[in-house]
């Protein structure tokens, strides 16, 4: 279940140009089940309309301490109700006001009146972001426990490019969820793989697949949110989970051999291994060092099998470890998944039919069926990959509890 479901999230919006992206953040939080209350500053309303947020959110947008109908202390009520307060974009002024305890409007008053986690998504021009005074304010707020998401490098207002761009709304939504997620995997080490391996044909071409790495990254994000120490071995560094999630260490690889080496180094010390990567089954035997030219004719491509990483992990699995495999299928989903579960000594297999619309490779959504080694089956209807990741880790936690109960006293964990 989503950590924000049925919980009040105050969404503060300030007058940065990135305010338009806050509407998407509002939609994502509501879609995740949160009760979102937008709070817009006067400057924010010069960038976006309050009506937009009222239409998207769970309650009407709050724009003033003197809204009609009047409420004696709207900021105190919001601060007390909030499970979390997120401000996106957070301007230099808002950051300074919060650091110094200045209450100049309904948003800063709400921030000062809450004991809930506070998440800020800074957004401003590079010159402003790099000002020592701004960096000092950021450092002070971070020391006080305020969670910072971004900023990132990219296009800015006015055609400039540099640091200061607001983080992606999905990344901010994940940080809100992480702030409200109980640390049920605290003290656990989780190894996750993601993406599709690329086996070189020559210097510019490769044998690969359509895996985006999004599902594995979502599992890593969710595991970190639950307090785990996470290692993500990925071929897709562009979809690595945000650095705002403490405990995630990314290792970038390209080929099946590189992934095998990284995984086999990390796996012995992991409590959970989730092999979400789409590892190539075959590789070219003799890849060319340079680019093969079309004028030289059609090359002969001889293939050899790659190392079966999942089978090797299953054969060497230490007591108490939960090993999870993934199966992307186009037919006979259950039969193929169960065969893989048994033959590779897995605790669970997560199977999906990638021939269906909006499922699996390249999509932000997924539909999966989870089969465990105790005979249970759990179907997750089409949903976001983050929700699918939560379902996977909910089942992993059940398997961990069972493994703990069955592991003999004194056995290596």
Protein backbone atom coordinates (compact mmCIF):
# COMPACT_ATOMS: atom_id res chain seq x y z
CA UNK A 1 0.00 0.00 0.00
CA UNK A 2 1.16 3.52 -0.76
CA UNK A 3 2.74 5.31 2.20
CA UNK A 4 0.76 8.47 1.40
CA UNK A 5 -2.65 6.84 0.96
CA UNK A 6 -5.35 8.64 2.96
CA UNK A 7 -2.74 10.96 4.50
CA UNK A 8 -2.81 14.74 4.32
CA UNK A 9 -0.01 16.23 2.23
CA UNK A 10 0.26 20.01 2.10
CA UNK A 11 1.65 21.06 -1.28
CA UNK A 12 3.25 24.49 -1.11
CA UNK A 13 3.78 26.36 -4.38
CA UNK A 14 5.90 29.49 -4.62
CA UNK A 15 6.51 32.01 -7.39
CA UNK A 16 9.26 30.28 -9.34
CA UNK A 17 8.82 29.66 -13.05
CA UNK A 18 8.76 25.92 -12.26
CA UNK A 19 5.43 26.41 -10.49
CA UNK A 20 3.66 24.92 -13.51
CA UNK A 21 5.28 21.56 -12.74
CA UNK A 22 3.67 21.54 -9.30
CA UNK A 23 0.35 20.75 -10.98
CA UNK A 24 1.80 17.45 -12.17
CA UNK A 25 3.18 16.76 -8.69
CA UNK A 26 -0.30 17.40 -7.29
CA UNK A 27 -1.77 14.91 -9.78
CA UNK A 28 0.82 12.27 -8.89
CA UNK A 29 0.24 12.60 -5.14
CA UNK A 30 -3.54 12.42 -5.53
CA UNK A 31 -3.14 9.43 -7.82
CA UNK A 32 -1.09 7.75 -5.11
CA UNK A 33 -3.96 8.18 -2.67
CA UNK A 34 -2.85 11.29 -0.76
CA UNK A 35 -5.29 13.95 0.44
CA UNK A 36 -3.56 16.97 -1.07
CA UNK A 37 -4.13 20.52 0.16
CA UNK A 38 -2.46 23.09 -2.13
CA UNK A 39 -1.13 26.28 -0.55
CA UNK A 40 -0.14 28.97 -3.05
CA UNK A 41 1.76 32.15 -2.31
CA UNK A 42 0.72 35.44 -3.92
CA UNK A 43 3.71 35.20 -6.26
CA UNK A 44 2.79 31.64 -7.22
CA UNK A 45 -0.58 32.87 -8.43
CA UNK A 46 1.19 35.10 -10.94
CA UNK A 47 2.64 31.92 -12.47
CA UNK A 48 -0.26 29.45 -12.11
CA UNK A 49 -3.93 29.72 -11.25
CA UNK A 50 -5.36 28.56 -7.93
CA UNK A 51 -8.30 27.07 -9.86
CA UNK A 52 -5.94 24.56 -11.50
CA UNK A 53 -4.87 23.19 -8.13
CA UNK A 54 -8.40 23.25 -6.72
CA UNK A 55 -9.47 21.10 -9.67
CA UNK A 56 -6.60 18.62 -9.25
CA UNK A 57 -6.31 18.43 -5.45
CA UNK A 58 -8.43 16.91 -2.70
CA UNK A 59 -9.40 20.29 -1.20
CA UNK A 60 -9.63 23.87 -2.49
CA UNK A 61 -6.37 25.76 -2.81
CA UNK A 62 -5.44 27.96 0.14
CA UNK A 63 -4.04 31.30 -0.98
CA UNK A 64 -4.16 33.58 2.05
CA UNK A 65 -4.41 33.75 5.80
CA UNK A 66 -7.66 35.62 5.10
CA UNK A 67 -9.36 33.26 2.64
CA UNK A 68 -13.15 33.31 2.37
CA UNK A 69 -14.75 31.71 4.29
CA UNK A 70 -12.44 32.97 7.01
CA UNK A 71 -10.60 30.60 9.31
CA UNK A 72 -9.07 31.95 12.48
CA UNK A 73 -5.80 30.06 12.25
CA UNK A 74 -5.62 28.24 8.86
CA UNK A 75 -1.86 27.72 9.07
CA UNK A 76 -2.05 26.01 12.47
CA UNK A 77 -4.83 23.73 11.31
CA UNK A 78 -2.93 22.79 8.17
CA UNK A 79 0.31 22.29 10.07
CA UNK A 80 -1.36 19.95 12.56
CA UNK A 81 -3.26 17.96 9.91
CA UNK A 82 -0.28 17.47 7.61
CA UNK A 83 1.51 14.14 7.45
CA UNK A 84 4.07 15.93 5.27
CA UNK A 85 4.59 19.38 3.78
CA UNK A 86 6.27 19.58 0.38
CA UNK A 87 7.20 22.84 -1.33
CA UNK A 88 7.79 22.74 -5.09
CA UNK A 89 9.26 24.93 -6.33
CA UNK A 90 11.08 26.26 -3.26
CA UNK A 91 12.54 29.66 -4.12
CA UNK A 92 15.57 31.27 -2.50
CA UNK A 93 13.21 33.54 -0.56
CA UNK A 94 11.15 30.65 0.82
CA UNK A 95 14.33 28.82 1.83
CA UNK A 96 15.66 31.92 3.59
CA UNK A 97 12.35 32.57 5.36
CA UNK A 98 12.16 29.00 6.65
CA UNK A 99 15.76 29.01 7.83
CA UNK A 100 15.20 32.27 9.75
CA UNK A 101 11.73 31.47 11.07
CA UNK A 102 10.06 34.30 9.16
CA UNK A 103 6.29 34.02 8.72
CA UNK A 104 5.26 36.31 5.89
CA UNK A 105 2.35 34.43 4.30
CA UNK A 106 0.12 31.40 4.73
CA UNK A 107 2.75 29.00 3.36
CA UNK A 108 5.64 30.06 5.59
CA UNK A 109 3.24 30.21 8.55
CA UNK A 110 2.17 26.62 7.82
CA UNK A 111 5.78 25.47 7.58
CA UNK A 112 6.52 26.99 10.98
CA UNK A 113 3.37 25.49 12.49
CA UNK A 114 4.01 21.87 11.51
CA UNK A 115 5.95 19.03 13.09
CA UNK A 116 5.52 16.87 10.00
CA UNK A 117 8.40 16.04 7.65
CA UNK A 118 9.21 18.94 5.32
CA UNK A 119 10.40 18.31 1.77
CA UNK A 120 11.77 21.15 -0.35
CA UNK A 121 12.40 21.05 -4.11
CA UNK A 122 14.63 24.09 -4.73
CA UNK A 123 14.42 25.79 -8.12
CA UNK A 124 16.23 28.93 -9.22
CA UNK A 125 18.86 30.19 -11.64
CA UNK A 126 22.36 28.79 -11.30
CA UNK A 127 23.82 32.08 -10.04
CA UNK A 128 21.23 32.21 -7.25
CA UNK A 129 21.64 28.54 -6.36
CA UNK A 130 25.42 28.90 -6.07
CA UNK A 131 25.29 31.98 -3.82
CA UNK A 132 27.08 31.18 -0.53
CA UNK A 133 24.14 32.56 1.47
CA UNK A 134 21.72 30.21 -0.29
CA UNK A 135 24.04 27.24 0.19
CA UNK A 136 24.41 28.14 3.88
CA UNK A 137 20.62 28.21 4.25
CA UNK A 138 20.34 24.83 2.52
CA UNK A 139 23.01 23.31 4.77
CA UNK A 140 21.33 24.65 7.93
CA UNK A 141 17.89 23.35 6.94
CA UNK A 142 19.34 19.96 6.00
CA UNK A 143 20.98 19.73 9.41
CA UNK A 144 17.57 20.42 10.96
CA UNK A 145 16.08 17.47 9.09
CA UNK A 146 14.48 19.22 6.12
CA UNK A 147 14.62 16.91 3.09
CA UNK A 148 16.04 18.43 -0.10
CA UNK A 149 15.14 17.03 -3.52
CA UNK A 150 17.35 18.44 -6.24
CA UNK A 151 17.89 20.76 -7.90
CA UNK A 152 19.28 19.18 -11.05
CA UNK A 153 21.12 20.47 -14.09
CA UNK A 154 19.16 21.28 -17.22
CA UNK A 155 17.35 23.99 -19.17
CA UNK A 156 16.37 27.04 -17.11
CA UNK A 157 14.19 30.08 -17.78
CA UNK A 158 15.44 32.50 -20.39
CA UNK A 159 17.23 29.85 -22.40
CA UNK A 160 19.99 29.28 -19.85
CA UNK A 161 21.28 25.82 -18.93
CA UNK A 162 22.81 24.86 -15.60
CA UNK A 163 22.23 23.75 -12.02
CA UNK A 164 19.01 24.96 -10.41
CA UNK A 165 16.31 23.19 -12.41
CA UNK A 166 13.56 21.71 -10.22
CA UNK A 167 13.67 17.95 -9.84
CA UNK A 168 11.18 15.87 -11.79
CA UNK A 169 7.72 15.74 -10.14
CA UNK A 170 7.89 11.93 -9.98
CA UNK A 171 11.16 12.18 -8.05
CA UNK A 172 9.62 14.66 -5.62
CA UNK A 173 6.56 12.45 -5.15
CA UNK A 174 8.86 9.51 -4.41
CA UNK A 175 10.66 11.58 -1.76
CA UNK A 176 7.33 12.42 -0.08
CA UNK A 177 6.44 8.74 -0.05
CA UNK A 178 9.88 7.86 1.31
CA UNK A 179 9.48 10.37 4.13
CA UNK A 180 6.26 8.67 5.23
CA UNK A 181 7.33 5.05 4.74
CA UNK A 182 7.97 3.04 7.94
CA UNK A 183 11.56 1.72 8.03
CA UNK A 184 10.49 -1.92 7.79
CA UNK A 185 13.75 -2.90 6.02
CA UNK A 186 16.08 -0.98 8.34
CA UNK A 187 19.29 -2.92 8.86
CA UNK A 188 18.75 -4.98 5.71
CA UNK A 189 20.97 -4.96 2.60
CA UNK A 190 19.11 -5.14 -0.70
CA UNK A 191 20.74 -5.73 -4.08
CA UNK A 192 18.70 -4.75 -7.16
CA UNK A 193 19.55 -5.02 -10.86
CA UNK A 194 17.89 -3.01 -13.60
CA UNK A 195 17.97 -2.31 -17.31
CA UNK A 196 18.92 -4.43 -20.31
CA UNK A 197 22.48 -5.50 -20.95
CA UNK A 198 24.19 -4.50 -24.20
CA UNK A 199 26.43 -7.08 -25.85
CA UNK A 200 28.74 -5.39 -28.41
CA UNK A 201 28.74 -6.35 -32.08
CA UNK A 202 31.27 -3.65 -32.93
CA UNK A 203 32.32 -0.28 -31.55
CA UNK A 204 28.88 1.28 -32.14
CA UNK A 205 26.32 -1.58 -32.38
CA UNK A 206 25.10 -4.07 -29.81
CA UNK A 207 22.66 -6.90 -29.17
CA UNK A 208 20.17 -5.65 -26.60
CA UNK A 209 16.55 -5.46 -25.55
CA UNK A 210 13.88 -2.86 -24.79
CA UNK A 211 14.22 -2.80 -20.99
CA UNK A 212 14.16 0.77 -19.67
CA UNK A 213 15.38 -0.03 -16.14
CA UNK A 214 12.36 1.76 -14.64
CA UNK A 215 10.96 -1.20 -12.70
CA UNK A 216 14.28 -2.05 -11.09
CA UNK A 217 14.87 1.59 -10.19
CA UNK A 218 11.39 1.71 -8.62
CA UNK A 219 12.24 -1.32 -6.48
CA UNK A 220 15.49 0.34 -5.37
CA UNK A 221 13.64 3.55 -4.48
CA UNK A 222 11.03 1.66 -2.47
CA UNK A 223 13.62 -0.46 -0.64
CA UNK A 224 15.56 2.67 0.31
CA UNK A 225 12.35 4.32 1.48
CA UNK A 226 11.81 1.35 3.80
CA UNK A 227 15.21 1.93 5.38
CA UNK A 228 17.31 -0.63 3.54
CA UNK A 229 20.89 -0.15 2.42
CA UNK A 230 20.53 -0.56 -1.34
CA UNK A 231 22.97 -1.38 -4.12
CA UNK A 232 21.56 -0.87 -7.62
CA UNK A 233 23.51 -2.53 -10.44
CA UNK A 234 22.14 -0.92 -13.58
CA UNK A 235 22.72 -0.42 -17.29
CA UNK A 236 20.54 2.70 -17.19
CA UNK A 237 22.25 5.42 -15.11
CA UNK A 238 19.75 7.98 -16.43
CA UNK A 239 17.00 6.35 -14.33
CA UNK A 240 19.03 5.81 -11.18
CA UNK A 241 17.06 6.70 -8.05
CA UNK A 242 17.64 10.16 -6.66
CA UNK A 243 20.55 10.87 -4.38
CA UNK A 244 17.98 12.30 -1.99
CA UNK A 245 17.23 8.73 -0.96
CA UNK A 246 19.94 7.86 1.52
CA UNK A 247 21.36 4.38 1.32
CA UNK A 248 21.29 3.89 -2.47
CA UNK A 249 24.59 3.14 -4.16
CA UNK A 250 24.49 2.77 -7.94
CA UNK A 251 26.95 0.63 -9.92
CA UNK A 252 26.78 1.18 -13.69
CA UNK A 253 27.53 -1.76 -16.00
CA UNK A 254 26.92 -2.53 -19.66
CA UNK A 255 27.36 -6.21 -20.54
CA UNK A 256 26.09 -9.41 -18.96
CA UNK A 257 29.65 -10.25 -17.91
CA UNK A 258 30.03 -6.89 -16.15
CA UNK A 259 26.68 -7.32 -14.43
CA UNK A 260 27.62 -10.84 -13.32
CA UNK A 261 30.90 -9.61 -11.82
CA UNK A 262 29.19 -6.76 -9.94
CA UNK A 263 26.32 -8.92 -8.71
CA UNK A 264 28.51 -11.79 -7.57
CA UNK A 265 30.61 -9.35 -5.57
CA UNK A 266 27.60 -7.79 -3.81
CA UNK A 267 25.20 -10.73 -3.45
CA UNK A 268 26.87 -12.73 -0.63
CA UNK A 269 26.26 -9.93 1.87
CA UNK A 270 22.70 -9.13 0.77
CA UNK A 271 19.55 -10.12 2.64
CA UNK A 272 17.51 -9.63 -0.53
CA UNK A 273 18.52 -9.87 -4.19
CA UNK A 274 16.02 -8.60 -6.78
CA UNK A 275 17.11 -9.45 -10.32
CA UNK A 276 14.87 -7.08 -12.29
CA UNK A 277 17.41 -6.60 -15.09
CA UNK A 278 16.81 -8.08 -18.55
CA UNK A 279 20.11 -9.88 -19.01
CA UNK A 280 20.98 -10.98 -22.56
CA UNK A 281 20.98 -14.74 -23.05
CA UNK A 282 23.55 -14.55 -25.86
CA UNK A 283 26.53 -12.39 -26.83
CA UNK A 284 28.56 -12.01 -30.04
CA UNK A 285 31.66 -14.19 -29.85
CA UNK A 286 34.07 -11.87 -31.66
CA UNK A 287 32.95 -8.23 -31.47
CA UNK A 288 34.82 -5.94 -33.85
CA UNK A 289 37.07 -3.31 -32.32
CA UNK A 290 35.96 -0.63 -34.79
CA UNK A 291 32.77 0.06 -36.73
CA UNK A 292 31.74 -2.58 -39.26
CA UNK A 293 31.20 -0.92 -42.64
CA UNK A 294 28.11 -1.72 -44.71
CA UNK A 295 30.19 -1.72 -47.89
CA UNK A 296 32.10 -4.78 -46.72
CA UNK A 297 28.99 -6.94 -46.88
CA UNK A 298 26.72 -8.54 -44.30
CA UNK A 299 28.80 -9.79 -41.36
CA UNK A 300 28.39 -13.24 -39.89
CA UNK A 301 27.31 -13.00 -36.27
CA UNK A 302 28.28 -15.96 -34.13
CA UNK A 303 26.62 -16.01 -30.71
CA UNK A 304 27.57 -17.70 -27.46
CA UNK A 305 25.53 -18.03 -24.24
CA UNK A 306 26.12 -15.53 -21.46
CA UNK A 307 26.54 -16.53 -17.83
CA UNK A 308 23.21 -17.36 -16.18
CA UNK A 309 23.50 -14.92 -13.28
CA UNK A 310 20.21 -15.90 -11.64
CA UNK A 311 21.00 -19.63 -11.70
CA UNK A 312 24.44 -18.97 -10.18
CA UNK A 313 22.87 -16.88 -7.42
CA UNK A 314 20.31 -19.60 -6.71
CA UNK A 315 23.02 -22.27 -6.48
CA UNK A 316 25.10 -20.19 -4.06
CA UNK A 317 22.25 -18.63 -2.06
CA UNK A 318 23.20 -18.30 1.63
CA UNK A 319 20.73 -19.25 4.39
CA UNK A 320 18.08 -16.63 5.01
CA UNK A 321 18.57 -14.74 1.73
CA UNK A 322 15.48 -13.98 -0.39
CA UNK A 323 16.23 -14.24 -4.11
CA UNK A 324 13.72 -12.69 -6.53
CA UNK A 325 13.73 -13.24 -10.28
CA UNK A 326 11.78 -11.55 -13.06
CA UNK A 327 10.26 -13.22 -16.11
CA UNK A 328 9.17 -11.16 -19.13
CA UNK A 329 6.97 -13.47 -21.17
CA UNK A 330 4.74 -13.34 -24.25
CA UNK A 331 3.00 -16.70 -23.80
CA UNK A 332 2.45 -19.45 -21.18
CA UNK A 333 3.14 -16.93 -18.41
CA UNK A 334 2.43 -19.17 -15.43
CA UNK A 335 4.14 -22.29 -16.77
CA UNK A 336 7.30 -20.44 -17.75
CA UNK A 337 7.41 -18.47 -14.51
CA UNK A 338 6.97 -21.52 -12.28
CA UNK A 339 9.61 -23.45 -14.22
CA UNK A 340 12.08 -20.61 -13.66
CA UNK A 341 11.12 -20.34 -9.98
CA UNK A 342 11.90 -24.02 -9.37
CA UNK A 343 14.92 -24.49 -11.61
CA UNK A 344 16.79 -21.49 -10.25
CA UNK A 345 16.03 -21.94 -6.54
CA UNK A 346 14.18 -18.66 -6.15
CA UNK A 347 12.10 -17.38 -3.27
CA UNK A 348 9.85 -15.51 -5.69
CA UNK A 349 9.41 -14.81 -9.39
CA UNK A 350 7.74 -11.69 -10.74
CA UNK A 351 6.23 -12.39 -14.16
CA UNK A 352 4.65 -10.09 -16.70
CA UNK A 353 3.19 -10.49 -20.18
CA UNK A 354 5.07 -7.85 -22.17
CA UNK A 355 2.85 -8.42 -25.21
CA UNK A 356 0.04 -6.56 -23.40
CA UNK A 357 -0.52 -2.84 -23.84
CA UNK A 358 1.30 -0.57 -21.35
CA UNK A 359 3.01 -3.50 -19.61
CA UNK A 360 6.71 -3.84 -18.98
CA UNK A 361 9.45 -2.59 -21.29
CA UNK A 362 9.60 1.16 -21.78
CA UNK A 363 6.35 1.96 -19.98
CA UNK A 364 5.73 3.74 -16.68
CA UNK A 365 3.12 1.09 -15.84
CA UNK A 366 3.23 -2.64 -15.24
CA UNK A 367 0.99 -5.61 -14.54
CA UNK A 368 2.65 -8.51 -12.74
CA UNK A 369 1.93 -11.86 -11.18
CA UNK A 370 4.11 -12.91 -8.25
CA UNK A 371 4.68 -16.59 -7.51
CA UNK A 372 6.50 -17.65 -4.32
CA UNK A 373 8.22 -20.89 -3.40
CA UNK A 374 5.54 -21.66 -0.81
CA UNK A 375 2.92 -21.90 -3.56
CA UNK A 376 1.22 -18.51 -3.22
CA UNK A 377 0.19 -16.40 -6.20
CA UNK A 378 -0.53 -12.67 -6.15
CA UNK A 379 -1.76 -10.69 -9.15
CA UNK A 380 -1.11 -6.95 -9.37
CA UNK A 381 -3.39 -5.29 -11.94
CA UNK A 382 -2.07 -2.59 -14.27
CA UNK A 383 -0.60 0.14 -12.10
CA UNK A 384 2.46 2.37 -11.82
CA UNK A 385 5.84 0.72 -11.54
CA UNK A 386 6.26 2.30 -8.12
CA UNK A 387 3.07 0.61 -6.92
CA UNK A 388 4.26 -2.66 -8.43
CA UNK A 389 7.55 -2.24 -6.55
CA UNK A 390 5.64 -1.80 -3.30
CA UNK A 391 3.74 -5.03 -3.92
CA UNK A 392 6.99 -6.86 -4.66
CA UNK A 393 8.63 -5.65 -1.45
CA UNK A 394 5.54 -6.35 0.64
CA UNK A 395 5.87 -9.99 -0.45
CA UNK A 396 9.64 -9.91 0.08
CA UNK A 397 9.10 -8.83 3.68
CA UNK A 398 6.74 -11.77 4.22
CA UNK A 399 9.38 -14.13 2.79
CA UNK A 400 12.09 -12.58 4.97
CA UNK A 401 10.00 -13.22 8.06
CA UNK A 402 9.51 -16.82 6.98
CA UNK A 403 13.21 -17.28 6.24
CA UNK A 404 14.10 -15.90 9.67
CA UNK A 405 11.72 -18.33 11.33
CA UNK A 406 13.15 -21.29 9.39
CA UNK A 407 16.86 -20.45 9.56
CA UNK A 408 18.55 -22.60 12.23
CA UNK A 409 20.08 -20.77 15.18
CA UNK A 410 23.72 -19.93 14.52
CA UNK A 411 23.42 -20.18 10.74
CA UNK A 412 25.08 -17.40 8.73
CA UNK A 413 22.65 -14.62 7.87
